[in-house]
Amino acid sequence: MSVPSARAERLVAAAQPRFLETGFYLFRSEQHFGIAGRSDRVALFPRSDRYEILRLMGTNGWNYDIGPDSIVAWLRVLERDHPLVLTGMGFDWMVDALAQELGESQRLYCWWD
């Protein structure tokens, strides 16, 4: 579903917990930052396993020899001390809302180029 960039983050933050309760994962699958008026894309996955989504999206940093399995392994270690919710996932990026240790924004944006 296409959603204006200014609304996409609020939509996912508000609705994702409700979808997770029913076994679905709502996330931003494309992020365009409103450049040239392009909307973001929000997707709904029929299961709640965020790591399965990362693998299916092919999230990677191949330029640095980082594949989807490496990203999943890194996130599993990270979440032991820093619980996280993935709100956006794509081919070469992901967005996390992290625990308060990451400061006021509680956001970590990872983009491999």
PDB file of N, CA and C in Angstrom:
ATOM      1  N   MET A   1       0.836  -1.150   0.000  1.00  0.00           N
ATOM      2  CA  MET A   1       0.000   0.000   0.000  1.00  0.00           C
ATOM      3  C   MET A   1       0.896   1.232   0.000  1.00  0.00           C
ATOM      4  N   SER A   2       0.605   2.195  -0.836  1.00  0.00           N
ATOM      5  CA  SER A   2       1.347   3.451  -0.878  1.00  0.00           C
ATOM      6  C   SER A   2       0.815   4.397   0.195  1.00  0.00           C
ATOM      7  N   VAL A   3       1.743   4.977   0.954  1.00  0.00           N
ATOM      8  CA  VAL A   3       1.384   5.884   2.047  1.00  0.00           C
ATOM      9  C   VAL A   3       2.338   7.072   1.987  1.00  0.00           C
ATOM     10  N   PRO A   4       1.826   8.304   2.082  1.00  0.00           N
ATOM     11  CA  PRO A   4       2.737   9.452   2.117  1.00  0.00           C
ATOM     12  C   PRO A   4       3.794   9.274   3.194  1.00  0.00           C
ATOM     13  N   SER A   5       5.024   9.626   2.866  1.00  0.00           N
ATOM     14  CA  SER A   5       6.145   9.430   3.794  1.00  0.00           C
ATOM     15  C   SER A   5       5.879  10.010   5.171  1.00  0.00           C
ATOM     16  N   ALA A   6       5.264  11.172   5.224  1.00  0.00           N
ATOM     17  CA  ALA A   6       5.009  11.829   6.500  1.00  0.00           C
ATOM     18  C   ALA A   6       4.060  11.015   7.374  1.00  0.00           C
ATOM     19  N   ARG A   7       3.233  10.177   6.781  1.00  0.00           N
ATOM     20  CA  ARG A   7       2.271   9.364   7.527  1.00  0.00           C
ATOM     21  C   ARG A   7       2.731   7.943   7.785  1.00  0.00           C
ATOM     22  N   ALA A   8       3.637   7.432   6.972  1.00  0.00           N
ATOM     23  CA  ALA A   8       4.013   6.009   7.023  1.00  0.00           C
ATOM     24  C   ALA A   8       4.557   5.601   8.386  1.00  0.00           C
ATOM     25  N   GLU A   9       5.450   6.381   8.934  1.00  0.00           N
ATOM     26  CA  GLU A   9       6.047   6.019  10.226  1.00  0.00           C
ATOM     27  C   GLU A   9       4.996   5.968  11.325  1.00  0.00           C
ATOM     28  N   ARG A  10       4.111   6.978  11.358  1.00  0.00           N
ATOM     29  CA  ARG A  10       3.052   7.001  12.376  1.00  0.00           C
ATOM     30  C   ARG A  10       2.091   5.828  12.201  1.00  0.00           C
ATOM     31  N   LEU A  11       1.768   5.518  10.956  1.00  0.00           N
ATOM     32  CA  LEU A  11       0.853   4.408  10.681  1.00  0.00           C
ATOM     33  C   LEU A  11       1.417   3.089  11.193  1.00  0.00           C
ATOM     34  N   VAL A  12       2.681   2.813  10.853  1.00  0.00           N
ATOM     35  CA  VAL A  12       3.302   1.556  11.286  1.00  0.00           C
ATOM     36  C   VAL A  12       3.423   1.516  12.811  1.00  0.00           C
ATOM     37  N   ALA A  13       3.850   2.605  13.412  1.00  0.00           N
ATOM     38  CA  ALA A  13       4.003   2.636  14.870  1.00  0.00           C
ATOM     39  C   ALA A  13       2.678   2.399  15.583  1.00  0.00           C
ATOM     40  N   ALA A  14       1.598   2.955  15.057  1.00  0.00           N
ATOM     41  CA  ALA A  14       0.296   2.822  15.701  1.00  0.00           C
ATOM     42  C   ALA A  14      -0.341   1.457  15.463  1.00  0.00           C
ATOM     43  N   ALA A  15      -0.211   0.931  14.257  1.00  0.00           N
ATOM     44  CA  ALA A  15      -0.952  -0.282  13.895  1.00  0.00           C
ATOM     45  C   ALA A  15      -0.159  -1.579  14.060  1.00  0.00           C
ATOM     46  N   GLN A  16       1.166  -1.516  14.019  1.00  0.00           N
ATOM     47  CA  GLN A  16       1.957  -2.741  14.067  1.00  0.00           C
ATOM     48  C   GLN A  16       1.658  -3.613  15.289  1.00  0.00           C
ATOM     49  N   PRO A  17       1.561  -3.057  16.512  1.00  0.00           N
ATOM     50  CA  PRO A  17       1.287  -3.926  17.668  1.00  0.00           C
ATOM     51  C   PRO A  17      -0.023  -4.697  17.537  1.00  0.00           C
ATOM     52  N   ARG A  18      -1.042  -4.055  16.979  1.00  0.00           N
ATOM     53  CA  ARG A  18      -2.334  -4.738  16.818  1.00  0.00           C
ATOM     54  C   ARG A  18      -2.234  -5.879  15.824  1.00  0.00           C
ATOM     55  N   PHE A  19      -1.505  -5.656  14.737  1.00  0.00           N
ATOM     56  CA  PHE A  19      -1.333  -6.723  13.753  1.00  0.00           C
ATOM     57  C   PHE A  19      -0.515  -7.874  14.322  1.00  0.00           C
ATOM     58  N   LEU A  20       0.523  -7.558  15.104  1.00  0.00           N
ATOM     59  CA  LEU A  20       1.341  -8.608  15.714  1.00  0.00           C
ATOM     60  C   LEU A  20       0.501  -9.514  16.617  1.00  0.00           C
ATOM     61  N   GLU A  21      -0.466  -8.937  17.309  1.00  0.00           N
ATOM     62  CA  GLU A  21      -1.345  -9.734  18.172  1.00  0.00           C
ATOM     63  C   GLU A  21      -2.119 -10.787  17.390  1.00  0.00           C
ATOM     64  N   THR A  22      -2.352 -10.533  16.110  1.00  0.00           N
ATOM     65  CA  THR A  22      -3.114 -11.473  15.275  1.00  0.00           C
ATOM     66  C   THR A  22      -2.206 -12.297  14.361  1.00  0.00           C
ATOM     67  N   GLY A  23      -0.882 -12.172  14.557  1.00  0.00           N
ATOM     68  CA  GLY A  23       0.057 -12.999  13.800  1.00  0.00           C
ATOM     69  C   GLY A  23       0.512 -12.415  12.474  1.00  0.00           C
ATOM     70  N   PHE A  24       0.316 -11.107  12.276  1.00  0.00           N
ATOM     71  CA  PHE A  24       0.752 -10.433  11.049  1.00  0.00           C
ATOM     72  C   PHE A  24       1.812  -9.397  11.387  1.00  0.00           C
ATOM     73  N   TYR A  25       2.715  -9.126  10.432  1.00  0.00           N
ATOM     74  CA  TYR A  25       3.777  -8.147  10.649  1.00  0.00           C
ATOM     75  C   TYR A  25       3.599  -6.997   9.665  1.00  0.00           C
ATOM     76  N   LEU A  26       3.310  -5.808  10.172  1.00  0.00           N
ATOM     77  CA  LEU A  26       3.162  -4.599   9.365  1.00  0.00           C
ATOM     78  C   LEU A  26       4.486  -3.854   9.390  1.00  0.00           C
ATOM     79  N   PHE A  27       4.987  -3.443   8.233  1.00  0.00           N
ATOM     80  CA  PHE A  27       6.273  -2.744   8.173  1.00  0.00           C
ATOM     81  C   PHE A  27       6.353  -1.883   6.919  1.00  0.00           C
ATOM     82  N   ARG A  28       7.282  -0.938   6.931  1.00  0.00           N
ATOM     83  CA  ARG A  28       7.545  -0.117   5.757  1.00  0.00           C
ATOM     84  C   ARG A  28       8.514  -0.890   4.864  1.00  0.00           C
ATOM     85  N   SER A  29       8.109  -1.152   3.614  1.00  0.00           N
ATOM     86  CA  SER A  29       8.939  -1.946   2.710  1.00  0.00           C
ATOM     87  C   SER A  29       9.696  -1.092   1.696  1.00  0.00           C
ATOM     88  N   GLU A  30       9.292   0.152   1.538  1.00  0.00           N
ATOM     89  CA  GLU A  30      10.034   1.123   0.714  1.00  0.00           C
ATOM     90  C   GLU A  30       9.966   2.464   1.413  1.00  0.00           C
ATOM     91  N   GLN A  31      11.076   3.167   1.426  1.00  0.00           N
ATOM     92  CA  GLN A  31      11.142   4.473   2.075  1.00  0.00           C
ATOM     93  C   GLN A  31      11.757   5.463   1.092  1.00  0.00           C
ATOM     94  N   HIS A  32      10.990   6.505   0.758  1.00  0.00           N
ATOM     95  CA  HIS A  32      11.458   7.477  -0.240  1.00  0.00           C
ATOM     96  C   HIS A  32      11.644   8.881   0.331  1.00  0.00           C
ATOM     97  N   PHE A  33      11.362   9.057   1.632  1.00  0.00           N
ATOM     98  CA  PHE A  33      11.585  10.332   2.319  1.00  0.00           C
ATOM     99  C   PHE A  33      10.816  11.485   1.691  1.00  0.00           C
ATOM    100  N   GLY A  34       9.775  11.203   0.925  1.00  0.00           N
ATOM    101  CA  GLY A  34       8.982  12.246   0.290  1.00  0.00           C
ATOM    102  C   GLY A  34       9.661  12.919  -0.886  1.00  0.00           C
ATOM    103  N   ILE A  35      10.817  12.408  -1.310  1.00  0.00           N
ATOM    104  CA  ILE A  35      11.558  13.003  -2.422  1.00  0.00           C
ATOM    105  C   ILE A  35      10.735  12.884  -3.695  1.00  0.00           C
ATOM    106  N   ALA A  36      10.613  13.990  -4.385  1.00  0.00           N
ATOM    107  CA  ALA A  36       9.845  14.076  -5.634  1.00  0.00           C
ATOM    108  C   ALA A  36       8.396  13.626  -5.424  1.00  0.00           C
ATOM    109  N   GLY A  37       7.896  13.789  -4.210  1.00  0.00           N
ATOM    110  CA  GLY A  37       6.520  13.446  -3.914  1.00  0.00           C
ATOM    111  C   GLY A  37       6.218  11.957  -3.862  1.00  0.00           C
ATOM    112  N   ARG A  38       7.264  11.125  -3.893  1.00  0.00           N
ATOM    113  CA  ARG A  38       7.050   9.668  -3.877  1.00  0.00           C
ATOM    114  C   ARG A  38       6.583   9.203  -2.505  1.00  0.00           C
ATOM    115  N   SER A  39       5.601   8.345  -2.517  1.00  0.00           N
ATOM    116  CA  SER A  39       5.084   7.753  -1.285  1.00  0.00           C
ATOM    117  C   SER A  39       5.956   6.586  -0.854  1.00  0.00           C
ATOM    118  N   ASP A  40       5.888   6.259   0.429  1.00  0.00           N
ATOM    119  CA  ASP A  40       6.515   5.048   0.945  1.00  0.00           C
ATOM    120  C   ASP A  40       5.559   3.892   0.686  1.00  0.00           C
ATOM    121  N   ARG A  41       6.056   2.675   0.854  1.00  0.00           N
ATOM    122  CA  ARG A  41       5.201   1.495   0.727  1.00  0.00           C
ATOM    123  C   ARG A  41       5.162   0.808   2.077  1.00  0.00           C
ATOM    124  N   VAL A  42       3.976   0.431   2.474  1.00  0.00           N
ATOM    125  CA  VAL A  42       3.764  -0.302   3.713  1.00  0.00           C
ATOM    126  C   VAL A  42       3.252  -1.680   3.334  1.00  0.00           C
ATOM    127  N   ALA A  43       3.825  -2.710   3.951  1.00  0.00           N
ATOM    128  CA  ALA A  43       3.470  -4.084   3.620  1.00  0.00           C
ATOM    129  C   ALA A  43       2.967  -4.813   4.855  1.00  0.00           C
ATOM    130  N   LEU A  44       2.149  -5.820   4.608  1.00  0.00           N
ATOM    131  CA  LEU A  44       1.635  -6.671   5.672  1.00  0.00           C
ATOM    132  C   LEU A  44       2.016  -8.105   5.342  1.00  0.00           C
ATOM    133  N   PHE A  45       2.796  -8.727   6.237  1.00  0.00           N
ATOM    134  CA  PHE A  45       3.279 -10.084   6.037  1.00  0.00           C
ATOM    135  C   PHE A  45       2.408 -11.032   6.858  1.00  0.00           C
ATOM    136  N   PRO A  46       2.019 -12.189   6.292  1.00  0.00           N
ATOM    137  CA  PRO A  46       1.058 -13.057   6.976  1.00  0.00           C
ATOM    138  C   PRO A  46       1.606 -13.894   8.130  1.00  0.00           C
ATOM    139  N   ARG A  47       2.770 -13.573   8.624  1.00  0.00           N
ATOM    140  CA  ARG A  47       3.330 -14.220   9.817  1.00  0.00           C
ATOM    141  C   ARG A  47       4.075 -13.139  10.603  1.00  0.00           C
ATOM    142  N   SER A  48       4.373 -13.437  11.857  1.00  0.00           N
ATOM    143  CA  SER A  48       4.959 -12.403  12.713  1.00  0.00           C
ATOM    144  C   SER A  48       6.471 -12.507  12.887  1.00  0.00           C
ATOM    145  N   ASP A  49       7.144 -13.358  12.130  1.00  0.00           N
ATOM    146  CA  ASP A  49       8.593 -13.545  12.265  1.00  0.00           C
ATOM    147  C   ASP A  49       9.349 -12.507  11.439  1.00  0.00           C
ATOM    148  N   ARG A  50       9.863 -11.481  12.110  1.00  0.00           N
ATOM    149  CA  ARG A  50      10.575 -10.399  11.408  1.00  0.00           C
ATOM    150  C   ARG A  50      11.827 -10.895  10.713  1.00  0.00           C
ATOM    151  N   TYR A  51      12.458 -11.938  11.258  1.00  0.00           N
ATOM    152  CA  TYR A  51      13.678 -12.451  10.635  1.00  0.00           C
ATOM    153  C   TYR A  51      13.368 -13.214   9.346  1.00  0.00           C
ATOM    154  N   GLU A  52      12.239 -13.850   9.306  1.00  0.00           N
ATOM    155  CA  GLU A  52      11.806 -14.478   8.057  1.00  0.00           C
ATOM    156  C   GLU A  52      11.589 -13.411   6.982  1.00  0.00           C
ATOM    157  N   ILE A  53      11.023 -12.283   7.375  1.00  0.00           N
ATOM    158  CA  ILE A  53      10.806 -11.180   6.429  1.00  0.00           C
ATOM    159  C   ILE A  53      12.136 -10.645   5.926  1.00  0.00           C
ATOM    160  N   LEU A  54      13.101 -10.429   6.830  1.00  0.00           N
ATOM    161  CA  LEU A  54      14.419  -9.947   6.407  1.00  0.00           C
ATOM    162  C   LEU A  54      15.032 -10.871   5.362  1.00  0.00           C
ATOM    163  N   ARG A  55      14.917 -12.160   5.596  1.00  0.00           N
ATOM    164  CA  ARG A  55      15.473 -13.121   4.636  1.00  0.00           C
ATOM    165  C   ARG A  55      14.728 -13.061   3.300  1.00  0.00           C
ATOM    166  N   LEU A  56      13.392 -12.992   3.355  1.00  0.00           N
ATOM    167  CA  LEU A  56      12.597 -12.937   2.120  1.00  0.00           C
ATOM    168  C   LEU A  56      12.810 -11.632   1.358  1.00  0.00           C
ATOM    169  N   MET A  57      13.005 -10.536   2.088  1.00  0.00           N
ATOM    170  CA  MET A  57      13.273  -9.244   1.443  1.00  0.00           C
ATOM    171  C   MET A  57      14.687  -9.219   0.864  1.00  0.00           C
ATOM    172  N   GLY A  58      15.516 -10.147   1.313  1.00  0.00           N
ATOM    173  CA  GLY A  58      16.890 -10.191   0.831  1.00  0.00           C
ATOM    174  C   GLY A  58      17.750  -9.085   1.394  1.00  0.00           C
ATOM    175  N   THR A  59      17.387  -8.576   2.581  1.00  0.00           N
ATOM    176  CA  THR A  59      18.152  -7.489   3.192  1.00  0.00           C
ATOM    177  C   THR A  59      19.612  -7.901   3.306  1.00  0.00           C
ATOM    178  N   ASN A  60      20.483  -7.059   2.759  1.00  0.00           N
ATOM    179  CA  ASN A  60      21.892  -7.439   2.712  1.00  0.00           C
ATOM    180  C   ASN A  60      22.803  -6.232   2.618  1.00  0.00           C
ATOM    181  N   GLY A  61      24.058  -6.484   2.781  1.00  0.00           N
ATOM    182  CA  GLY A  61      25.127  -5.527   2.553  1.00  0.00           C
ATOM    183  C   GLY A  61      26.223  -6.227   1.782  1.00  0.00           C
ATOM    184  N   TRP A  62      25.851  -6.799   0.635  1.00  0.00           N
ATOM    185  CA  TRP A  62      26.791  -7.631  -0.122  1.00  0.00           C
ATOM    186  C   TRP A  62      28.087  -6.906  -0.448  1.00  0.00           C
ATOM    187  N   ASN A  63      28.047  -5.570  -0.563  1.00  0.00           N
ATOM    188  CA  ASN A  63      29.290  -4.824  -0.821  1.00  0.00           C
ATOM    189  C   ASN A  63      30.308  -5.040   0.298  1.00  0.00           C
ATOM    190  N   TYR A  64      29.825  -5.463   1.459  1.00  0.00           N
ATOM    191  CA  TYR A  64      30.690  -5.697   2.615  1.00  0.00           C
ATOM    192  C   TYR A  64      30.643  -7.163   3.050  1.00  0.00           C
ATOM    193  N   ASP A  65      30.227  -8.036   2.134  1.00  0.00           N
ATOM    194  CA  ASP A  65      30.107  -9.471   2.418  1.00  0.00           C
ATOM    195  C   ASP A  65      29.165  -9.753   3.588  1.00  0.00           C
ATOM    196  N   ILE A  66      28.068  -8.985   3.651  1.00  0.00           N
ATOM    197  CA  ILE A  66      27.060  -9.164   4.687  1.00  0.00           C
ATOM    198  C   ILE A  66      25.777  -9.620   4.005  1.00  0.00           C
ATOM    199  N   GLY A  67      25.355 -10.839   4.303  1.00  0.00           N
ATOM    200  CA  GLY A  67      24.125 -11.382   3.740  1.00  0.00           C
ATOM    201  C   GLY A  67      22.996 -11.361   4.748  1.00  0.00           C
ATOM    202  N   PRO A  68      21.798 -11.750   4.330  1.00  0.00           N
ATOM    203  CA  PRO A  68      20.649 -11.750   5.232  1.00  0.00           C
ATOM    204  C   PRO A  68      20.883 -12.571   6.502  1.00  0.00           C
ATOM    205  N   ASP A  69      21.510 -13.728   6.388  1.00  0.00           N
ATOM    206  CA  ASP A  69      21.750 -14.548   7.582  1.00  0.00           C
ATOM    207  C   ASP A  69      22.685 -13.851   8.566  1.00  0.00           C
ATOM    208  N   SER A  70      23.668 -13.111   8.059  1.00  0.00           N
ATOM    209  CA  SER A  70      24.571 -12.358   8.941  1.00  0.00           C
ATOM    210  C   SER A  70      23.821 -11.244   9.667  1.00  0.00           C
ATOM    211  N   ILE A  71      22.920 -10.588   8.965  1.00  0.00           N
ATOM    212  CA  ILE A  71      22.131  -9.512   9.580  1.00  0.00           C
ATOM    213  C   ILE A  71      21.225 -10.078  10.668  1.00  0.00           C
ATOM    214  N   VAL A  72      20.573 -11.192  10.375  1.00  0.00           N
ATOM    215  CA  VAL A  72      19.707 -11.837  11.367  1.00  0.00           C
ATOM    216  C   VAL A  72      20.520 -12.249  12.592  1.00  0.00           C
ATOM    217  N   ALA A  73      21.680 -12.839  12.397  1.00  0.00           N
ATOM    218  CA  ALA A  73      22.522 -13.253  13.517  1.00  0.00           C
ATOM    219  C   ALA A  73      22.932 -12.044  14.359  1.00  0.00           C
ATOM    220  N   TRP A  74      23.318 -10.949  13.708  1.00  0.00           N
ATOM    221  CA  TRP A  74      23.722  -9.727  14.414  1.00  0.00           C
ATOM    222  C   TRP A  74      22.555  -9.168  15.222  1.00  0.00           C
ATOM    223  N   LEU A  75      21.361  -9.131  14.633  1.00  0.00           N
ATOM    224  CA  LEU A  75      20.194  -8.603  15.335  1.00  0.00           C
ATOM    225  C   LEU A  75      19.811  -9.470  16.532  1.00  0.00           C
ATOM    226  N   ARG A  76      19.930 -10.776  16.382  1.00  0.00           N
ATOM    227  CA  ARG A  76      19.607 -11.676  17.505  1.00  0.00           C
ATOM    228  C   ARG A  76      20.535 -11.411  18.694  1.00  0.00           C
ATOM    229  N   VAL A  77      21.813 -11.163  18.438  1.00  0.00           N
ATOM    230  CA  VAL A  77      22.760 -10.840  19.512  1.00  0.00           C
ATOM    231  C   VAL A  77      22.429  -9.473  20.098  1.00  0.00           C
ATOM    232  N   LEU A  78      22.163  -8.497  19.233  1.00  0.00           N
ATOM    233  CA  LEU A  78      21.855  -7.137  19.675  1.00  0.00           C
ATOM    234  C   LEU A  78      20.621  -7.097  20.565  1.00  0.00           C
ATOM    235  N   GLU A  79      19.587  -7.856  20.202  1.00  0.00           N
ATOM    236  CA  GLU A  79      18.339  -7.773  20.952  1.00  0.00           C
ATOM    237  C   GLU A  79      18.407  -8.429  22.332  1.00  0.00           C
ATOM    238  N   ARG A  80      19.456  -9.172  22.611  1.00  0.00           N
ATOM    239  CA  ARG A  80      19.611  -9.735  23.967  1.00  0.00           C
ATOM    240  C   ARG A  80      19.683  -8.624  25.015  1.00  0.00           C
ATOM    241  N   ASP A  81      20.387  -7.542  24.670  1.00  0.00           N
ATOM    242  CA  ASP A  81      20.544  -6.414  25.588  1.00  0.00           C
ATOM    243  C   ASP A  81      19.704  -5.212  25.199  1.00  0.00           C
ATOM    244  N   HIS A  82      19.272  -5.154  23.945  1.00  0.00           N
ATOM    245  CA  HIS A  82      18.538  -4.000  23.428  1.00  0.00           C
ATOM    246  C   HIS A  82      17.313  -4.472  22.658  1.00  0.00           C
ATOM    247  N   PRO A  83      16.197  -4.680  23.348  1.00  0.00           N
ATOM    248  CA  PRO A  83      14.996  -5.132  22.642  1.00  0.00           C
ATOM    249  C   PRO A  83      14.679  -4.188  21.482  1.00  0.00           C
ATOM    250  N   LEU A  84      14.254  -4.756  20.377  1.00  0.00           N
ATOM    251  CA  LEU A  84      14.015  -3.937  19.202  1.00  0.00           C
ATOM    252  C   LEU A  84      12.746  -4.359  18.490  1.00  0.00           C
ATOM    253  N   VAL A  85      12.226  -3.407  17.731  1.00  0.00           N
ATOM    254  CA  VAL A  85      11.089  -3.652  16.862  1.00  0.00           C
ATOM    255  C   VAL A  85      11.488  -3.142  15.491  1.00  0.00           C
ATOM    256  N   LEU A  86      11.456  -3.995  14.501  1.00  0.00           N
ATOM    257  CA  LEU A  86      11.765  -3.562  13.143  1.00  0.00           C
ATOM    258  C   LEU A  86      10.508  -2.954  12.539  1.00  0.00           C
ATOM    259  N   THR A  87      10.592  -1.695  12.146  1.00  0.00           N
ATOM    260  CA  THR A  87       9.443  -1.004  11.570  1.00  0.00           C
ATOM    261  C   THR A  87       9.565  -0.849  10.067  1.00  0.00           C
ATOM    262  N   GLY A  88      10.752  -1.110   9.530  1.00  0.00           N
ATOM    263  CA  GLY A  88      10.961  -1.030   8.092  1.00  0.00           C
ATOM    264  C   GLY A  88      12.073  -1.957   7.667  1.00  0.00           C
ATOM    265  N   MET A  89      11.874  -2.636   6.550  1.00  0.00           N
ATOM    266  CA  MET A  89      12.869  -3.575   6.037  1.00  0.00           C
ATOM    267  C   MET A  89      12.823  -3.557   4.523  1.00  0.00           C
ATOM    268  N   GLY A  90      13.995  -3.501   3.919  1.00  0.00           N
ATOM    269  CA  GLY A  90      14.085  -3.536   2.471  1.00  0.00           C
ATOM    270  C   GLY A  90      15.321  -4.295   2.037  1.00  0.00           C
ATOM    271  N   PHE A  91      15.609  -4.209   0.759  1.00  0.00           N
ATOM    272  CA  PHE A  91      16.729  -4.935   0.163  1.00  0.00           C
ATOM    273  C   PHE A  91      18.064  -4.570   0.797  1.00  0.00           C
ATOM    274  N   ASP A  92      18.306  -3.273   1.012  1.00  0.00           N
ATOM    275  CA  ASP A  92      19.600  -2.857   1.554  1.00  0.00           C
ATOM    276  C   ASP A  92      19.467  -1.905   2.730  1.00  0.00           C
ATOM    277  N   TRP A  93      18.365  -2.008   3.458  1.00  0.00           N
ATOM    278  CA  TRP A  93      18.167  -1.142   4.621  1.00  0.00           C
ATOM    279  C   TRP A  93      17.187  -1.790   5.589  1.00  0.00           C
ATOM    280  N   MET A  94      17.189  -1.298   6.828  1.00  0.00           N
ATOM    281  CA  MET A  94      16.192  -1.659   7.829  1.00  0.00           C
ATOM    282  C   MET A  94      16.106  -0.519   8.824  1.00  0.00           C
ATOM    283  N   VAL A  95      14.977  -0.371   9.478  1.00  0.00           N
ATOM    284  CA  VAL A  95      14.765   0.671  10.487  1.00  0.00           C
ATOM    285  C   VAL A  95      14.391  -0.021  11.779  1.00  0.00           C
ATOM    286  N   ASP A  96      15.015   0.361  12.868  1.00  0.00           N
ATOM    287  CA  ASP A  96      14.707  -0.218  14.179  1.00  0.00           C
ATOM    288  C   ASP A  96      14.289   0.889  15.140  1.00  0.00           C
ATOM    289  N   ALA A  97      13.339   0.600  15.990  1.00  0.00           N
ATOM    290  CA  ALA A  97      13.088   1.426  17.172  1.00  0.00           C
ATOM    291  C   ALA A  97      13.720   0.647  18.321  1.00  0.00           C
ATOM    292  N   LEU A  98      14.759   1.182  18.897  1.00  0.00           N
ATOM    293  CA  LEU A  98      15.515   0.471  19.935  1.00  0.00           C
ATOM    294  C   LEU A  98      15.184   0.999  21.323  1.00  0.00           C
ATOM    295  N   ALA A  99      15.672   0.307  22.315  1.00  0.00           N
ATOM    296  CA  ALA A  99      15.490   0.704  23.706  1.00  0.00           C
ATOM    297  C   ALA A  99      16.132   2.062  23.958  1.00  0.00           C
ATOM    298  N   GLN A 100      15.857   2.625  25.105  1.00  0.00           N
ATOM    299  CA  GLN A 100      16.282   3.983  25.421  1.00  0.00           C
ATOM    300  C   GLN A 100      17.791   4.189  25.352  1.00  0.00           C
ATOM    301  N   GLU A 101      18.590   3.130  25.329  1.00  0.00           N
ATOM    302  CA  GLU A 101      20.039   3.295  25.228  1.00  0.00           C
ATOM    303  C   GLU A 101      20.462   4.036  23.969  1.00  0.00           C
ATOM    304  N   LEU A 102      19.619   4.056  22.958  1.00  0.00           N
ATOM    305  CA  LEU A 102      19.977   4.745  21.713  1.00  0.00           C
ATOM    306  C   LEU A 102      19.537   6.202  21.713  1.00  0.00           C
ATOM    307  N   GLY A 103      19.147   6.712  22.884  1.00  0.00           N
ATOM    308  CA  GLY A 103      18.835   8.126  22.992  1.00  0.00           C
ATOM    309  C   GLY A 103      17.385   8.445  22.729  1.00  0.00           C
ATOM    310  N   GLU A 104      17.117   9.715  22.605  1.00  0.00           N
ATOM    311  CA  GLU A 104      15.754  10.189  22.474  1.00  0.00           C
ATOM    312  C   GLU A 104      15.037   9.684  21.237  1.00  0.00           C
ATOM    313  N   SER A 105      15.739   9.559  20.132  1.00  0.00           N
ATOM    314  CA  SER A 105      15.063   9.150  18.900  1.00  0.00           C
ATOM    315  C   SER A 105      14.655   7.690  18.925  1.00  0.00           C
ATOM    316  N   GLN A 106      15.344   6.873  19.689  1.00  0.00           N
ATOM    317  CA  GLN A 106      15.116   5.429  19.761  1.00  0.00           C
ATOM    318  C   GLN A 106      15.065   4.827  18.366  1.00  0.00           C
ATOM    319  N   ARG A 107      15.925   5.310  17.487  1.00  0.00           N
ATOM    320  CA  ARG A 107      15.902   4.850  16.115  1.00  0.00           C
ATOM    321  C   ARG A 107      17.315   4.601  15.609  1.00  0.00           C
ATOM    322  N   LEU A 108      17.504   3.500  14.952  1.00  0.00           N
ATOM    323  CA  LEU A 108      18.769   3.172  14.308  1.00  0.00           C
ATOM    324  C   LEU A 108      18.455   2.845  12.860  1.00  0.00           C
ATOM    325  N   TYR A 109      19.066   3.558  11.956  1.00  0.00           N
ATOM    326  CA  TYR A 109      18.818   3.339  10.534  1.00  0.00           C
ATOM    327  C   TYR A 109      20.063   2.709   9.934  1.00  0.00           C
ATOM    328  N   CYS A 110      19.923   1.535   9.365  1.00  0.00           N
ATOM    329  CA  CYS A 110      21.049   0.830   8.767  1.00  0.00           C
ATOM    330  C   CYS A 110      20.832   0.746   7.263  1.00  0.00           C
ATOM    331  N   TRP A 111      21.812   1.210   6.506  1.00  0.00           N
ATOM    332  CA  TRP A 111      21.706   1.171   5.055  1.00  0.00           C
ATOM    333  C   TRP A 111      23.056   0.759   4.499  1.00  0.00           C
ATOM    334  N   TRP A 112      23.075  -0.357   3.807  1.00  0.00           N
ATOM    335  CA  TRP A 112      24.317  -0.845   3.228  1.00  0.00           C
ATOM    336  C   TRP A 112      24.350  -0.437   1.772  1.00  0.00           C
ATOM    337  N   ASP A 113      25.458   0.115   1.358  1.00  0.00           N
ATOM    338  CA  ASP A 113      25.591   0.588  -0.023  1.00  0.00           C
ATOM    339  C   ASP A 113      26.679  -0.173  -0.749  1.00  0.00           C
TER     340      ASP A 113
END
